[in-house]
Amino acid sequence: MTYSLLTKHAVRVMFVMFVAAFISACSSTTKNEANVQVNNHHTNNGYYQSMDGACEQQAIEMNSFAQQSGQAPQYLAAAKAMLRCVKGIQFPKGHPDADKALRLMALSVINLVKGGDIDAAHIALKKTQSKFPDKDLYFADYSSFFDTATALLKQEDLSRHQLAALNISADLRTEIERHQYWLSH
């Protein structure tokens, strides 16, 4: 019985890593918190704390290196760097850096999955959804980032009907259904 549970967990982790590699399409990077500078933008709605451009550039470079190496530690480091770039910054409607921040946070979720830290990916996804409740990103096939991440991270909790309602790629849907079938039979 213990062997069966370990095998199911290993299959799930491998599946999530495979699917994350399949759907990834973004990149970004950041600096250590000590090096992040605070800049303010003045708009008609007031002042907004902006993201540090150097932090973002470093995170993008780290992500590029992680993609080239394919190593889990590099994906995890890039994800943490991305999250540091947006840490403590609020992104209300009209914030000039909101789109960049959403992309960084979404890519951090994907990198956490690729790095194998599924628990941190869950947390990062929840933070991203709470910071950007009315926004989404779309992949080249027009599938939703939030729906795709939900399908990847909560696949065992989703019923067939819930899975069908998500805006995810056909290939991912087929792979999740195949995975669910083999885990139940």
Protein backbone atom coordinates (compact mmCIF):
# COMPACT_ATOMS: atom_id res chain seq x y z
CA MET A 1 0.00 0.00 0.00
CA THR A 2 2.87 2.42 0.81
CA TYR A 3 4.51 1.55 -2.51
CA SER A 4 1.27 2.38 -4.34
CA LEU A 5 0.98 5.80 -2.63
CA LEU A 6 4.63 6.63 -3.38
CA THR A 7 4.19 5.55 -6.99
CA LYS A 8 1.07 7.71 -7.38
CA HIS A 9 2.88 10.71 -5.88
CA ALA A 10 5.90 10.17 -8.14
CA VAL A 11 3.65 9.85 -11.18
CA ARG A 12 1.83 13.06 -10.21
CA VAL A 13 5.07 15.03 -9.75
CA MET A 14 6.48 13.76 -13.03
CA PHE A 15 3.23 14.51 -14.82
CA VAL A 16 3.10 18.06 -13.47
CA MET A 17 6.72 18.65 -14.51
CA PHE A 18 6.01 17.29 -17.99
CA VAL A 19 2.93 19.44 -18.48
CA ALA A 20 4.65 22.55 -17.11
CA ALA A 21 7.47 22.09 -19.59
CA PHE A 22 4.87 21.66 -22.31
CA ILE A 23 2.96 24.88 -21.60
CA SER A 24 5.66 27.33 -20.54
CA ALA A 25 5.94 30.41 -22.73
CA CYS A 26 7.11 33.40 -20.62
CA SER A 27 10.30 34.72 -19.08
CA SER A 28 11.45 37.24 -16.47
CA THR A 29 13.91 37.86 -13.57
CA THR A 30 14.66 39.89 -10.38
CA LYS A 31 17.23 41.01 -7.77
CA ASN A 32 17.66 40.43 -4.08
CA GLU A 33 15.33 42.46 -1.89
CA ALA A 34 18.25 44.53 -0.61
CA ASN A 35 18.96 45.71 -4.15
CA VAL A 36 15.39 46.56 -5.11
CA GLN A 37 14.90 50.28 -5.51
CA VAL A 38 11.59 51.99 -4.90
CA ASN A 39 10.41 54.32 -7.63
CA ASN A 40 7.13 56.16 -7.67
CA HIS A 41 5.02 57.07 -10.67
CA HIS A 42 2.61 59.96 -10.50
CA THR A 43 -0.58 59.57 -12.50
CA ASN A 44 -3.94 61.24 -12.43
CA ASN A 45 -5.05 58.67 -9.85
CA GLY A 46 -2.14 59.28 -7.45
CA TYR A 47 1.26 57.74 -6.77
CA TYR A 48 2.14 54.14 -7.57
CA GLN A 49 5.18 52.26 -6.38
CA SER A 50 6.86 50.89 -9.48
CA MET A 51 8.82 47.72 -9.98
CA ASP A 52 12.58 47.99 -10.17
CA GLY A 53 13.62 47.57 -13.81
CA ALA A 54 16.99 46.10 -12.84
CA CYS A 55 15.25 43.52 -10.65
CA GLU A 56 12.96 42.57 -13.51
CA GLN A 57 15.88 42.33 -15.96
CA GLN A 58 17.87 40.11 -13.61
CA ALA A 59 14.86 37.84 -13.14
CA ILE A 60 14.41 37.58 -16.92
CA GLU A 61 18.07 36.64 -17.31
CA MET A 62 17.79 34.02 -14.57
CA ASN A 63 14.73 32.58 -16.31
CA SER A 64 16.58 32.39 -19.63
CA PHE A 65 19.42 30.54 -17.96
CA ALA A 66 16.96 28.17 -16.27
CA GLN A 67 15.31 27.40 -19.61
CA GLN A 68 18.69 26.70 -21.20
CA SER A 69 19.92 24.49 -18.37
CA GLY A 70 16.61 22.77 -17.62
CA GLN A 71 17.76 22.33 -14.01
CA ALA A 72 15.23 22.48 -11.17
CA PRO A 73 17.36 24.69 -8.88
CA GLN A 74 17.66 27.35 -11.59
CA TYR A 75 13.89 27.35 -12.13
CA LEU A 76 13.34 27.75 -8.39
CA ALA A 77 15.88 30.57 -8.13
CA ALA A 78 14.30 32.39 -11.08
CA ALA A 79 10.83 32.01 -9.56
CA LYS A 80 11.97 33.42 -6.22
CA ALA A 81 13.68 36.33 -7.97
CA MET A 82 10.49 37.12 -9.89
CA LEU A 83 8.40 37.09 -6.76
CA ARG A 84 10.86 39.42 -5.01
CA CYS A 85 10.39 41.99 -7.79
CA VAL A 86 6.69 42.33 -6.98
CA LYS A 87 6.83 41.74 -3.23
CA GLY A 88 5.18 44.48 -1.23
CA ILE A 89 3.89 46.35 -4.26
CA GLN A 90 0.17 46.85 -4.75
CA PHE A 91 -1.15 46.87 -8.31
CA PRO A 92 -4.47 48.71 -8.31
CA LYS A 93 -6.35 49.45 -11.52
CA GLY A 94 -4.29 51.80 -13.67
CA HIS A 95 -0.91 50.80 -12.19
CA PRO A 96 1.67 51.22 -14.99
CA ASP A 97 3.53 48.02 -14.07
CA ALA A 98 0.50 45.76 -13.55
CA ASP A 99 0.92 43.80 -16.79
CA LYS A 100 4.64 43.19 -16.20
CA ALA A 101 3.94 42.13 -12.63
CA LEU A 102 1.21 39.71 -13.71
CA ARG A 103 3.57 38.13 -16.27
CA LEU A 104 6.34 37.81 -13.67
CA MET A 105 4.04 36.21 -11.13
CA ALA A 106 2.54 33.83 -13.69
CA LEU A 107 5.97 32.79 -14.88
CA SER A 108 7.05 32.25 -11.29
CA VAL A 109 4.17 29.77 -10.85
CA ILE A 110 5.30 27.87 -13.97
CA ASN A 111 8.93 27.90 -12.81
CA LEU A 112 7.98 26.62 -9.36
CA VAL A 113 6.17 23.72 -11.03
CA LYS A 114 9.16 23.03 -13.28
CA GLY A 115 11.41 23.21 -10.23
CA GLY A 116 9.25 20.64 -8.44
CA ASP A 117 8.01 22.86 -5.58
CA ILE A 118 4.29 22.20 -6.01
CA ASP A 119 3.34 23.62 -2.60
CA ALA A 120 5.07 26.93 -3.38
CA ALA A 121 3.40 26.94 -6.80
CA HIS A 122 -0.02 26.65 -5.10
CA ILE A 123 0.83 29.59 -2.84
CA ALA A 124 2.20 31.69 -5.71
CA LEU A 125 -0.92 30.98 -7.79
CA LYS A 126 -3.19 32.09 -4.94
CA LYS A 127 -1.15 35.29 -4.48
CA THR A 128 -1.29 36.00 -8.20
CA GLN A 129 -5.05 35.45 -8.29
CA SER A 130 -5.55 37.73 -5.28
CA LYS A 131 -3.33 40.52 -6.69
CA PHE A 132 -5.00 40.33 -10.12
CA PRO A 133 -8.55 39.07 -9.56
CA ASP A 134 -9.97 40.47 -12.81
CA LYS A 135 -7.05 39.76 -15.14
CA ASP A 136 -5.67 36.74 -16.95
CA LEU A 137 -2.92 35.89 -19.41
CA TYR A 138 -3.44 33.83 -22.53
CA PHE A 139 -1.10 31.39 -24.20
CA ALA A 140 -0.58 31.30 -27.98
CA ASP A 141 -3.55 28.91 -28.32
CA TYR A 142 -5.76 31.36 -26.33
CA SER A 143 -5.96 29.07 -23.34
CA SER A 144 -6.07 30.78 -19.94
CA PHE A 145 -3.04 30.89 -17.66
CA PHE A 146 -5.18 30.74 -14.52
CA ASP A 147 -7.27 27.84 -15.80
CA THR A 148 -4.15 25.99 -16.97
CA ALA A 149 -2.39 26.48 -13.64
CA THR A 150 -5.52 25.37 -11.78
CA ALA A 151 -5.76 22.25 -13.94
CA LEU A 152 -2.11 21.43 -13.32
CA LEU A 153 -2.07 22.04 -9.60
CA LYS A 154 -5.53 20.75 -8.67
CA GLN A 155 -6.01 18.03 -11.27
CA GLU A 156 -6.82 15.31 -8.75
CA ASP A 157 -9.54 17.46 -7.17
CA LEU A 158 -11.24 18.33 -10.46
CA SER A 159 -14.20 16.34 -11.72
CA ARG A 160 -14.55 15.59 -15.40
CA HIS A 161 -17.16 18.36 -15.67
CA GLN A 162 -14.99 20.93 -13.89
CA LEU A 163 -12.09 20.03 -16.15
CA ALA A 164 -14.30 20.45 -19.22
CA ALA A 165 -15.29 23.96 -18.08
CA LEU A 166 -11.67 25.18 -17.92
CA ASN A 167 -10.13 27.11 -20.81
CA ILE A 168 -7.07 24.88 -21.24
CA SER A 169 -5.39 23.41 -24.29
CA ALA A 170 -6.84 20.25 -25.79
CA ASP A 171 -3.52 18.46 -25.35
CA LEU A 172 -3.38 19.30 -21.65
CA ARG A 173 -7.01 18.25 -21.14
CA THR A 174 -6.32 14.91 -22.86
CA GLU A 175 -3.18 14.33 -20.81
CA ILE A 176 -4.95 15.11 -17.51
CA GLU A 177 -7.86 12.82 -18.42
CA ARG A 178 -5.40 10.05 -19.34
CA HIS A 179 -3.55 10.59 -16.07
CA GLN A 180 -6.76 10.51 -14.03
CA TYR A 181 -7.87 7.34 -15.80
CA TRP A 182 -4.64 5.48 -15.06
CA LEU A 183 -4.61 6.58 -11.43
CA SER A 184 -8.14 5.26 -10.93
CA HIS A 185 -7.76 1.95 -12.79
